[in-house]
């Protein structure tokens, strides 16, 4: 019977198994026994007349049909969660959970310390902070809102320009004592440079230090590559070499020397981004206002 095939309880169990990769882990999440989970999956497969999982000794792998079903189920449950959160918001004040994503360095260094002010002002809102140097898919509800260091590429997203992030070039006194101080961008050819490594964030010119002042067009090679701006700053402080990091990362830091402070450096535009369907969400609007006010009071580009 068609009405029984897409049973919500069985789909909920299927989604949990698909995400967990095993009956046991899904059972822990759902507070069900492994055998109960297995029975639900078998019943769903029987009613749909297709296998949803390949079963093997190391766990479960979705079949092609299982992948197709899970994509739809994931989207449906995400939309239900978003609708539930919107319905939970009262007309008077914002409420519910807000999933915020941004880059790791900005989230750790600038955003996380300021969330105390936001949460104190809006006690009925809770925040899940998802730090990732790649863009999470807001259309697929991997997060509700994003703070991004580039214009949004998806046309159906609402965007608000928050400001510019500036960067500077830094070295430790110990490094400069040993290797000398660059006086021109061309002098960087003769120095140990620290760059952002694999899995670069979607930011233009994150390694602009590799090319500035290079006349032959080939980028410089770094002595160290690391996929963390905080680690670049730590390596600079340790005297490994010279690195460029955003100003917000060097707030209230002492003991480093600003190299070539007067040369022109690329700025990064920062945007607050969210799906069109959240345009009227009070959680989103108060968080946007909090960001705008915080950046106006103390712009991370000028910190």
C-alpha atoms as a PDB file:
ATOM      1  CA  UNK A   1       0.000   0.000   0.000  1.00  0.00           C
ATOM      2  CA  UNK A   2       1.401   3.344  -1.056  1.00  0.00           C
ATOM      3  CA  UNK A   3       0.443   5.091   2.177  1.00  0.00           C
ATOM      4  CA  UNK A   4       2.661   2.720   4.161  1.00  0.00           C
ATOM      5  CA  UNK A   5       5.705   2.799   1.889  1.00  0.00           C
ATOM      6  CA  UNK A   6       6.971   6.232   2.853  1.00  0.00           C
ATOM      7  CA  UNK A   7       6.272   5.859   6.567  1.00  0.00           C
ATOM      8  CA  UNK A   8       7.764   8.833   8.435  1.00  0.00           C
ATOM      9  CA  UNK A   9       9.135   6.736  11.304  1.00  0.00           C
ATOM     10  CA  UNK A  10      10.889   4.367   8.910  1.00  0.00           C
ATOM     11  CA  UNK A  11      12.315   7.310   6.937  1.00  0.00           C
ATOM     12  CA  UNK A  12      13.603   8.842  10.169  1.00  0.00           C
ATOM     13  CA  UNK A  13      15.329   5.565  11.035  1.00  0.00           C
ATOM     14  CA  UNK A  14      16.670   5.232   7.475  1.00  0.00           C
ATOM     15  CA  UNK A  15      18.125   8.757   7.592  1.00  0.00           C
ATOM     16  CA  UNK A  16      19.815   8.068  10.930  1.00  0.00           C
ATOM     17  CA  UNK A  17      21.352   4.837   9.601  1.00  0.00           C
ATOM     18  CA  UNK A  18      22.484   6.528   6.376  1.00  0.00           C
ATOM     19  CA  UNK A  19      24.217   9.301   8.306  1.00  0.00           C
ATOM     20  CA  UNK A  20      25.714   7.017  10.981  1.00  0.00           C
ATOM     21  CA  UNK A  21      26.794   4.186   8.666  1.00  0.00           C
ATOM     22  CA  UNK A  22      25.711   1.434  11.031  1.00  0.00           C
ATOM     23  CA  UNK A  23      22.628   0.054  12.751  1.00  0.00           C
ATOM     24  CA  UNK A  24      24.332   0.249  16.145  1.00  0.00           C
ATOM     25  CA  UNK A  25      25.291   3.934  15.965  1.00  0.00           C
ATOM     26  CA  UNK A  26      21.890   4.849  14.556  1.00  0.00           C
ATOM     27  CA  UNK A  27      20.246   2.935  17.370  1.00  0.00           C
ATOM     28  CA  UNK A  28      22.237   4.911  19.916  1.00  0.00           C
ATOM     29  CA  UNK A  29      21.069   8.159  18.308  1.00  0.00           C
ATOM     30  CA  UNK A  30      17.426   7.049  18.159  1.00  0.00           C
ATOM     31  CA  UNK A  31      17.435   5.207  21.500  1.00  0.00           C
ATOM     32  CA  UNK A  32      16.428   1.997  19.742  1.00  0.00           C
ATOM     33  CA  UNK A  33      17.995  -1.470  19.778  1.00  0.00           C
ATOM     34  CA  UNK A  34      20.110  -2.601  16.850  1.00  0.00           C
ATOM     35  CA  UNK A  35      17.542  -5.279  16.001  1.00  0.00           C
ATOM     36  CA  UNK A  36      14.685  -2.749  16.008  1.00  0.00           C
ATOM     37  CA  UNK A  37      16.619  -0.487  13.635  1.00  0.00           C
ATOM     38  CA  UNK A  38      17.453  -3.431  11.368  1.00  0.00           C
ATOM     39  CA  UNK A  39      13.788  -4.497  11.257  1.00  0.00           C
ATOM     40  CA  UNK A  40      12.677  -0.983  10.279  1.00  0.00           C
ATOM     41  CA  UNK A  41      15.206  -0.825   7.451  1.00  0.00           C
ATOM     42  CA  UNK A  42      14.284  -4.293   6.184  1.00  0.00           C
ATOM     43  CA  UNK A  43      10.583  -3.356   6.239  1.00  0.00           C
ATOM     44  CA  UNK A  44      11.284  -0.139   4.305  1.00  0.00           C
ATOM     45  CA  UNK A  45      13.375  -2.003   1.712  1.00  0.00           C
ATOM     46  CA  UNK A  46      10.635  -4.622   1.373  1.00  0.00           C
ATOM     47  CA  UNK A  47       7.883  -2.029   0.924  1.00  0.00           C
ATOM     48  CA  UNK A  48       9.930  -0.100  -1.666  1.00  0.00           C
ATOM     49  CA  UNK A  49      11.122  -3.332  -3.326  1.00  0.00           C
ATOM     50  CA  UNK A  50      14.698  -1.989  -3.634  1.00  0.00           C
ATOM     51  CA  UNK A  51      17.858  -2.525  -1.544  1.00  0.00           C
ATOM     52  CA  UNK A  52      18.906   0.673   0.267  1.00  0.00           C
ATOM     53  CA  UNK A  53      22.203  -0.540   1.761  1.00  0.00           C
ATOM     54  CA  UNK A  54      25.090  -2.822   0.852  1.00  0.00           C
ATOM     55  CA  UNK A  55      25.839  -4.762   4.027  1.00  0.00           C
ATOM     56  CA  UNK A  56      29.421  -5.818   4.681  1.00  0.00           C
ATOM     57  CA  UNK A  57      31.687  -6.590   7.634  1.00  0.00           C
ATOM     58  CA  UNK A  58      32.908  -3.011   8.082  1.00  0.00           C
ATOM     59  CA  UNK A  59      29.481  -1.417   8.070  1.00  0.00           C
ATOM     60  CA  UNK A  60      26.853  -0.177   5.646  1.00  0.00           C
ATOM     61  CA  UNK A  61      27.162   1.605   2.307  1.00  0.00           C
ATOM     62  CA  UNK A  62      24.200   3.229   0.577  1.00  0.00           C
ATOM     63  CA  UNK A  63      23.130   1.714  -2.731  1.00  0.00           C
ATOM     64  CA  UNK A  64      22.427   4.031  -5.656  1.00  0.00           C
ATOM     65  CA  UNK A  65      18.731   3.930  -4.731  1.00  0.00           C
ATOM     66  CA  UNK A  66      19.632   4.556  -1.089  1.00  0.00           C
ATOM     67  CA  UNK A  67      21.725   7.589  -2.062  1.00  0.00           C
ATOM     68  CA  UNK A  68      18.806   9.037  -4.036  1.00  0.00           C
ATOM     69  CA  UNK A  69      16.388   8.504  -1.157  1.00  0.00           C
ATOM     70  CA  UNK A  70      18.788   9.941   1.421  1.00  0.00           C
ATOM     71  CA  UNK A  71      19.338  13.114  -0.606  1.00  0.00           C
ATOM     72  CA  UNK A  72      15.599  13.743  -0.608  1.00  0.00           C
ATOM     73  CA  UNK A  73      15.104  12.726   3.018  1.00  0.00           C
ATOM     74  CA  UNK A  74      17.998  14.928   4.181  1.00  0.00           C
ATOM     75  CA  UNK A  75      16.498  17.916   2.370  1.00  0.00           C
ATOM     76  CA  UNK A  76      12.992  17.235   3.719  1.00  0.00           C
ATOM     77  CA  UNK A  77      14.143  16.894   7.323  1.00  0.00           C
ATOM     78  CA  UNK A  78      16.322  20.004   7.019  1.00  0.00           C
ATOM     79  CA  UNK A  79      13.357  22.000   5.710  1.00  0.00           C
ATOM     80  CA  UNK A  80      11.156  20.633   8.485  1.00  0.00           C
ATOM     81  CA  UNK A  81      13.750  21.673  11.068  1.00  0.00           C
ATOM     82  CA  UNK A  82      13.936  25.153   9.570  1.00  0.00           C
ATOM     83  CA  UNK A  83      10.140  25.449   9.503  1.00  0.00           C
ATOM     84  CA  UNK A  84       9.936  24.230  13.092  1.00  0.00           C
ATOM     85  CA  UNK A  85      12.461  26.874  14.136  1.00  0.00           C
ATOM     86  CA  UNK A  86      10.558  29.615  12.282  1.00  0.00           C
ATOM     87  CA  UNK A  87       7.279  28.551  13.880  1.00  0.00           C
ATOM     88  CA  UNK A  88       8.939  28.572  17.309  1.00  0.00           C
ATOM     89  CA  UNK A  89       9.824  32.232  16.960  1.00  0.00           C
ATOM     90  CA  UNK A  90       7.312  34.410  18.704  1.00  0.00           C
ATOM     91  CA  UNK A  91       6.144  37.648  17.152  1.00  0.00           C
ATOM     92  CA  UNK A  92       7.654  39.600  20.025  1.00  0.00           C
ATOM     93  CA  UNK A  93      11.197  38.255  20.195  1.00  0.00           C
ATOM     94  CA  UNK A  94      13.638  35.952  18.363  1.00  0.00           C
ATOM     95  CA  UNK A  95      13.939  32.374  19.563  1.00  0.00           C
ATOM     96  CA  UNK A  96      15.355  29.038  18.485  1.00  0.00           C
ATOM     97  CA  UNK A  97      18.666  27.689  17.218  1.00  0.00           C
ATOM     98  CA  UNK A  98      20.780  29.548  14.650  1.00  0.00           C
ATOM     99  CA  UNK A  99      23.445  27.620  12.732  1.00  0.00           C
ATOM    100  CA  UNK A 100      26.250  30.004  11.766  1.00  0.00           C
ATOM    101  CA  UNK A 101      29.187  29.094   9.539  1.00  0.00           C
ATOM    102  CA  UNK A 102      32.366  31.021   8.778  1.00  0.00           C
ATOM    103  CA  UNK A 103      36.077  30.408   8.272  1.00  0.00           C
ATOM    104  CA  UNK A 104      38.028  28.781  11.068  1.00  0.00           C
ATOM    105  CA  UNK A 105      40.330  31.702  11.831  1.00  0.00           C
ATOM    106  CA  UNK A 106      37.593  34.348  11.812  1.00  0.00           C
ATOM    107  CA  UNK A 107      35.272  32.174  13.884  1.00  0.00           C
ATOM    108  CA  UNK A 108      37.865  31.342  16.518  1.00  0.00           C
ATOM    109  CA  UNK A 109      39.580  34.714  16.772  1.00  0.00           C
ATOM    110  CA  UNK A 110      36.911  37.320  16.103  1.00  0.00           C
ATOM    111  CA  UNK A 111      33.406  35.844  16.290  1.00  0.00           C
ATOM    112  CA  UNK A 112      33.485  33.351  19.171  1.00  0.00           C
ATOM    113  CA  UNK A 113      34.704  35.873  21.802  1.00  0.00           C
ATOM    114  CA  UNK A 114      31.890  38.278  20.828  1.00  0.00           C
ATOM    115  CA  UNK A 115      29.041  35.760  20.983  1.00  0.00           C
ATOM    116  CA  UNK A 116      28.697  36.322  24.731  1.00  0.00           C
ATOM    117  CA  UNK A 117      27.250  39.773  23.999  1.00  0.00           C
ATOM    118  CA  UNK A 118      24.803  38.419  21.412  1.00  0.00           C
ATOM    119  CA  UNK A 119      23.602  35.494  23.548  1.00  0.00           C
ATOM    120  CA  UNK A 120      23.157  37.710  26.605  1.00  0.00           C
ATOM    121  CA  UNK A 121      21.001  40.109  24.569  1.00  0.00           C
ATOM    122  CA  UNK A 122      18.885  37.264  23.106  1.00  0.00           C
ATOM    123  CA  UNK A 123      18.538  34.539  25.763  1.00  0.00           C
ATOM    124  CA  UNK A 124      15.954  32.578  23.761  1.00  0.00           C
ATOM    125  CA  UNK A 125      18.358  32.129  20.840  1.00  0.00           C
ATOM    126  CA  UNK A 126      21.070  29.458  20.852  1.00  0.00           C
ATOM    127  CA  UNK A 127      23.930  29.290  18.351  1.00  0.00           C
ATOM    128  CA  UNK A 128      25.648  26.398  16.616  1.00  0.00           C
ATOM    129  CA  UNK A 129      28.962  27.637  15.227  1.00  0.00           C
ATOM    130  CA  UNK A 130      30.266  25.612  12.263  1.00  0.00           C
ATOM    131  CA  UNK A 131      33.839  26.572  11.403  1.00  0.00           C
ATOM    132  CA  UNK A 132      34.955  25.447   7.958  1.00  0.00           C
ATOM    133  CA  UNK A 133      37.353  26.947   5.427  1.00  0.00           C
ATOM    134  CA  UNK A 134      35.162  25.634   2.617  1.00  0.00           C
ATOM    135  CA  UNK A 135      31.657  26.974   1.921  1.00  0.00           C
ATOM    136  CA  UNK A 136      28.858  24.969   3.496  1.00  0.00           C
ATOM    137  CA  UNK A 137      25.759  24.698   1.303  1.00  0.00           C
ATOM    138  CA  UNK A 138      23.107  27.045   2.695  1.00  0.00           C
ATOM    139  CA  UNK A 139      20.602  25.917   0.051  1.00  0.00           C
ATOM    140  CA  UNK A 140      20.899  22.367   1.445  1.00  0.00           C
ATOM    141  CA  UNK A 141      20.534  23.761   4.999  1.00  0.00           C
ATOM    142  CA  UNK A 142      24.016  22.751   6.118  1.00  0.00           C
ATOM    143  CA  UNK A 143      23.867  26.088   7.970  1.00  0.00           C
ATOM    144  CA  UNK A 144      21.331  28.903   8.324  1.00  0.00           C
ATOM    145  CA  UNK A 145      23.642  31.865   7.773  1.00  0.00           C
ATOM    146  CA  UNK A 146      27.259  32.405   6.741  1.00  0.00           C
ATOM    147  CA  UNK A 147      29.965  35.031   7.155  1.00  0.00           C
ATOM    148  CA  UNK A 148      32.026  34.717   3.984  1.00  0.00           C
ATOM    149  CA  UNK A 149      35.186  36.334   2.711  1.00  0.00           C
ATOM    150  CA  UNK A 150      33.939  36.536  -0.886  1.00  0.00           C
ATOM    151  CA  UNK A 151      30.679  37.458  -2.670  1.00  0.00           C
ATOM    152  CA  UNK A 152      28.137  34.615  -2.620  1.00  0.00           C
ATOM    153  CA  UNK A 153      28.185  32.532  -5.777  1.00  0.00           C
ATOM    154  CA  UNK A 154      24.600  31.274  -5.504  1.00  0.00           C
ATOM    155  CA  UNK A 155      22.052  33.758  -6.923  1.00  0.00           C
ATOM    156  CA  UNK A 156      19.262  32.788  -4.506  1.00  0.00           C
ATOM    157  CA  UNK A 157      21.125  33.962  -1.386  1.00  0.00           C
ATOM    158  CA  UNK A 158      20.589  37.300   0.332  1.00  0.00           C
ATOM    159  CA  UNK A 159      23.849  39.141   1.019  1.00  0.00           C
ATOM    160  CA  UNK A 160      24.903  42.070   3.181  1.00  0.00           C
ATOM    161  CA  UNK A 161      28.362  43.577   2.775  1.00  0.00           C
ATOM    162  CA  UNK A 162      29.937  43.822   6.242  1.00  0.00           C
ATOM    163  CA  UNK A 163      33.219  45.535   5.443  1.00  0.00           C
ATOM    164  CA  UNK A 164      36.788  44.885   4.366  1.00  0.00           C
ATOM    165  CA  UNK A 165      39.445  42.822   6.080  1.00  0.00           C
ATOM    166  CA  UNK A 166      42.980  44.112   5.738  1.00  0.00           C
ATOM    167  CA  UNK A 167      46.196  42.155   6.122  1.00  0.00           C
ATOM    168  CA  UNK A 168      49.741  43.007   7.114  1.00  0.00           C
ATOM    169  CA  UNK A 169      53.130  41.313   6.762  1.00  0.00           C
ATOM    170  CA  UNK A 170      54.786  40.230  10.007  1.00  0.00           C
ATOM    171  CA  UNK A 171      58.095  38.859  11.259  1.00  0.00           C
ATOM    172  CA  UNK A 172      59.665  38.256  14.644  1.00  0.00           C
ATOM    173  CA  UNK A 173      62.602  40.376  15.872  1.00  0.00           C
ATOM    174  CA  UNK A 174      64.682  37.193  16.137  1.00  0.00           C
ATOM    175  CA  UNK A 175      64.079  36.323  12.486  1.00  0.00           C
ATOM    176  CA  UNK A 176      64.952  39.835  11.317  1.00  0.00           C
ATOM    177  CA  UNK A 177      68.104  39.880  13.431  1.00  0.00           C
ATOM    178  CA  UNK A 178      69.309  36.745  11.616  1.00  0.00           C
ATOM    179  CA  UNK A 179      68.037  37.401   8.090  1.00  0.00           C
ATOM    180  CA  UNK A 180      67.736  41.180   7.846  1.00  0.00           C
ATOM    181  CA  UNK A 181      64.656  43.300   7.144  1.00  0.00           C
ATOM    182  CA  UNK A 182      63.099  43.466   3.638  1.00  0.00           C
ATOM    183  CA  UNK A 183      62.953  47.079   2.430  1.00  0.00           C
ATOM    184  CA  UNK A 184      61.080  46.428  -0.839  1.00  0.00           C
ATOM    185  CA  UNK A 185      58.656  43.733  -2.024  1.00  0.00           C
ATOM    186  CA  UNK A 186      61.448  42.417  -4.295  1.00  0.00           C
ATOM    187  CA  UNK A 187      63.577  41.748  -1.182  1.00  0.00           C
ATOM    188  CA  UNK A 188      61.086  39.011  -0.174  1.00  0.00           C
ATOM    189  CA  UNK A 189      62.774  36.778  -2.781  1.00  0.00           C
ATOM    190  CA  UNK A 190      65.634  36.320  -0.304  1.00  0.00           C
ATOM    191  CA  UNK A 191      63.533  35.439   2.748  1.00  0.00           C
ATOM    192  CA  UNK A 192      61.790  32.473   4.328  1.00  0.00           C
ATOM    193  CA  UNK A 193      58.065  32.877   3.652  1.00  0.00           C
ATOM    194  CA  UNK A 194      55.102  31.111   5.245  1.00  0.00           C
ATOM    195  CA  UNK A 195      52.029  30.460   3.098  1.00  0.00           C
ATOM    196  CA  UNK A 196      48.553  28.989   3.392  1.00  0.00           C
ATOM    197  CA  UNK A 197      48.803  25.362   2.251  1.00  0.00           C
ATOM    198  CA  UNK A 198      46.422  22.785   0.788  1.00  0.00           C
ATOM    199  CA  UNK A 199      42.629  23.185   0.941  1.00  0.00           C
ATOM    200  CA  UNK A 200      42.843  26.939   0.625  1.00  0.00           C
ATOM    201  CA  UNK A 201      39.754  28.883   1.740  1.00  0.00           C
ATOM    202  CA  UNK A 202      37.654  30.457  -1.025  1.00  0.00           C
ATOM    203  CA  UNK A 203      39.393  33.818  -0.604  1.00  0.00           C
ATOM    204  CA  UNK A 204      41.097  35.541  -3.498  1.00  0.00           C
ATOM    205  CA  UNK A 205      44.841  36.098  -3.112  1.00  0.00           C
ATOM    206  CA  UNK A 206      45.176  34.328   0.245  1.00  0.00           C
ATOM    207  CA  UNK A 207      48.856  33.853  -0.680  1.00  0.00           C
ATOM    208  CA  UNK A 208      49.406  37.305  -2.179  1.00  0.00           C
ATOM    209  CA  UNK A 209      52.776  37.427  -0.415  1.00  0.00           C
ATOM    210  CA  UNK A 210      53.999  34.848  -2.947  1.00  0.00           C
ATOM    211  CA  UNK A 211      53.508  37.204  -5.889  1.00  0.00           C
ATOM    212  CA  UNK A 212      53.844  40.775  -4.666  1.00  0.00           C
ATOM    213  CA  UNK A 213      56.915  42.389  -6.241  1.00  0.00           C
ATOM    214  CA  UNK A 214      57.621  39.414  -8.526  1.00  0.00           C
ATOM    215  CA  UNK A 215      58.534  40.708 -11.973  1.00  0.00           C
ATOM    216  CA  UNK A 216      58.842  37.387 -13.780  1.00  0.00           C
ATOM    217  CA  UNK A 217      55.277  36.347 -12.899  1.00  0.00           C
ATOM    218  CA  UNK A 218      56.187  33.128 -11.084  1.00  0.00           C
ATOM    219  CA  UNK A 219      55.147  32.865  -7.416  1.00  0.00           C
ATOM    220  CA  UNK A 220      57.704  32.471  -4.667  1.00  0.00           C
ATOM    221  CA  UNK A 221      57.954  29.162  -2.867  1.00  0.00           C
ATOM    222  CA  UNK A 222      57.406  29.076   0.855  1.00  0.00           C
ATOM    223  CA  UNK A 223      59.608  27.446   3.450  1.00  0.00           C
ATOM    224  CA  UNK A 224      56.419  26.353   5.242  1.00  0.00           C
ATOM    225  CA  UNK A 225      52.824  25.823   4.113  1.00  0.00           C
ATOM    226  CA  UNK A 226      50.026  25.303   6.638  1.00  0.00           C
ATOM    227  CA  UNK A 227      46.251  25.357   6.213  1.00  0.00           C
ATOM    228  CA  UNK A 228      45.589  27.575   9.231  1.00  0.00           C
ATOM    229  CA  UNK A 229      46.025  31.331   9.572  1.00  0.00           C
ATOM    230  CA  UNK A 230      46.509  30.946  13.335  1.00  0.00           C
ATOM    231  CA  UNK A 231      49.324  28.482  12.681  1.00  0.00           C
ATOM    232  CA  UNK A 232      50.926  30.938  10.240  1.00  0.00           C
ATOM    233  CA  UNK A 233      50.916  33.583  12.979  1.00  0.00           C
ATOM    234  CA  UNK A 234      52.390  31.130  15.495  1.00  0.00           C
ATOM    235  CA  UNK A 235      55.100  30.129  13.012  1.00  0.00           C
ATOM    236  CA  UNK A 236      55.928  33.805  12.423  1.00  0.00           C
ATOM    237  CA  UNK A 237      56.148  34.372  16.160  1.00  0.00           C
ATOM    238  CA  UNK A 238      58.451  31.343  16.461  1.00  0.00           C
ATOM    239  CA  UNK A 239      60.886  32.951  14.017  1.00  0.00           C
ATOM    240  CA  UNK A 240      60.419  30.491  11.152  1.00  0.00           C
ATOM    241  CA  UNK A 241      59.831  33.190   8.576  1.00  0.00           C
ATOM    242  CA  UNK A 242      57.691  36.057   7.311  1.00  0.00           C
ATOM    243  CA  UNK A 243      53.921  35.714   6.897  1.00  0.00           C
ATOM    244  CA  UNK A 244      50.849  37.771   5.985  1.00  0.00           C
ATOM    245  CA  UNK A 245      47.740  37.456   8.164  1.00  0.00           C
ATOM    246  CA  UNK A 246      44.487  39.433   8.563  1.00  0.00           C
ATOM    247  CA  UNK A 247      44.519  42.318  11.019  1.00  0.00           C
ATOM    248  CA  UNK A 248      41.789  40.747  13.198  1.00  0.00           C
ATOM    249  CA  UNK A 249      44.179  37.894  13.948  1.00  0.00           C
ATOM    250  CA  UNK A 250      46.890  40.188  15.301  1.00  0.00           C
ATOM    251  CA  UNK A 251      44.683  42.123  17.722  1.00  0.00           C
ATOM    252  CA  UNK A 252      46.540  43.245  20.819  1.00  0.00           C
ATOM    253  CA  UNK A 253      49.579  41.205  19.809  1.00  0.00           C
ATOM    254  CA  UNK A 254      52.993  42.527  20.782  1.00  0.00           C
ATOM    255  CA  UNK A 255      56.501  41.473  19.931  1.00  0.00           C
ATOM    256  CA  UNK A 256      56.096  41.242  16.151  1.00  0.00           C
ATOM    257  CA  UNK A 257      57.468  43.649  13.559  1.00  0.00           C
ATOM    258  CA  UNK A 258      55.247  44.977  10.755  1.00  0.00           C
ATOM    259  CA  UNK A 259      57.141  44.514   7.471  1.00  0.00           C
ATOM    260  CA  UNK A 260      56.627  46.806   4.460  1.00  0.00           C
ATOM    261  CA  UNK A 261      53.682  48.596   6.124  1.00  0.00           C
ATOM    262  CA  UNK A 262      53.285  51.204   3.369  1.00  0.00           C
ATOM    263  CA  UNK A 263      52.957  48.972   0.311  1.00  0.00           C
ATOM    264  CA  UNK A 264      49.515  48.361  -1.221  1.00  0.00           C
ATOM    265  CA  UNK A 265      47.970  45.095  -0.074  1.00  0.00           C
ATOM    266  CA  UNK A 266      44.804  43.320  -1.220  1.00  0.00           C
ATOM    267  CA  UNK A 267      41.715  43.735   0.968  1.00  0.00           C
ATOM    268  CA  UNK A 268      39.114  40.988   1.439  1.00  0.00           C
ATOM    269  CA  UNK A 269      35.394  41.816   1.299  1.00  0.00           C
ATOM    270  CA  UNK A 270      33.279  40.219   4.005  1.00  0.00           C
ATOM    271  CA  UNK A 271      29.583  39.315   3.543  1.00  0.00           C
ATOM    272  CA  UNK A 272      26.703  38.122   5.704  1.00  0.00           C
ATOM    273  CA  UNK A 273      24.742  35.583   3.636  1.00  0.00           C
ATOM    274  CA  UNK A 274      21.505  33.641   4.156  1.00  0.00           C
ATOM    275  CA  UNK A 275      18.723  31.949   2.120  1.00  0.00           C
ATOM    276  CA  UNK A 276      15.794  33.993   0.863  1.00  0.00           C
ATOM    277  CA  UNK A 277      13.303  32.003   2.973  1.00  0.00           C
ATOM    278  CA  UNK A 278      14.997  33.263   6.153  1.00  0.00           C
ATOM    279  CA  UNK A 279      14.623  36.912   5.185  1.00  0.00           C
ATOM    280  CA  UNK A 280      11.865  37.422   7.775  1.00  0.00           C
ATOM    281  CA  UNK A 281      13.480  35.345  10.521  1.00  0.00           C
ATOM    282  CA  UNK A 282      13.984  37.363  13.702  1.00  0.00           C
ATOM    283  CA  UNK A 283      16.984  35.229  14.702  1.00  0.00           C
ATOM    284  CA  UNK A 284      18.696  36.127  11.429  1.00  0.00           C
ATOM    285  CA  UNK A 285      17.853  39.822  11.595  1.00  0.00           C
ATOM    286  CA  UNK A 286      19.095  40.301  15.177  1.00  0.00           C
ATOM    287  CA  UNK A 287      22.289  38.371  14.387  1.00  0.00           C
ATOM    288  CA  UNK A 288      22.856  40.514  11.298  1.00  0.00           C
ATOM    289  CA  UNK A 289      22.364  43.675  13.381  1.00  0.00           C
ATOM    290  CA  UNK A 290      24.771  42.335  16.003  1.00  0.00           C
ATOM    291  CA  UNK A 291      27.445  41.753  13.343  1.00  0.00           C
ATOM    292  CA  UNK A 292      26.989  45.172  11.763  1.00  0.00           C
ATOM    293  CA  UNK A 293      27.178  46.917  15.158  1.00  0.00           C
ATOM    294  CA  UNK A 294      30.200  44.888  16.295  1.00  0.00           C
ATOM    295  CA  UNK A 295      32.108  45.592  13.094  1.00  0.00           C
ATOM    296  CA  UNK A 296      31.176  49.275  13.175  1.00  0.00           C
ATOM    297  CA  UNK A 297      32.386  49.567  16.766  1.00  0.00           C
ATOM    298  CA  UNK A 298      35.600  47.723  16.100  1.00  0.00           C
ATOM    299  CA  UNK A 299      36.139  46.853  12.482  1.00  0.00           C
ATOM    300  CA  UNK A 300      38.171  43.618  12.200  1.00  0.00           C
ATOM    301  CA  UNK A 301      39.962  45.259   9.316  1.00  0.00           C
ATOM    302  CA  UNK A 302      41.218  47.975  11.641  1.00  0.00           C
ATOM    303  CA  UNK A 303      41.633  46.117  14.918  1.00  0.00           C
END
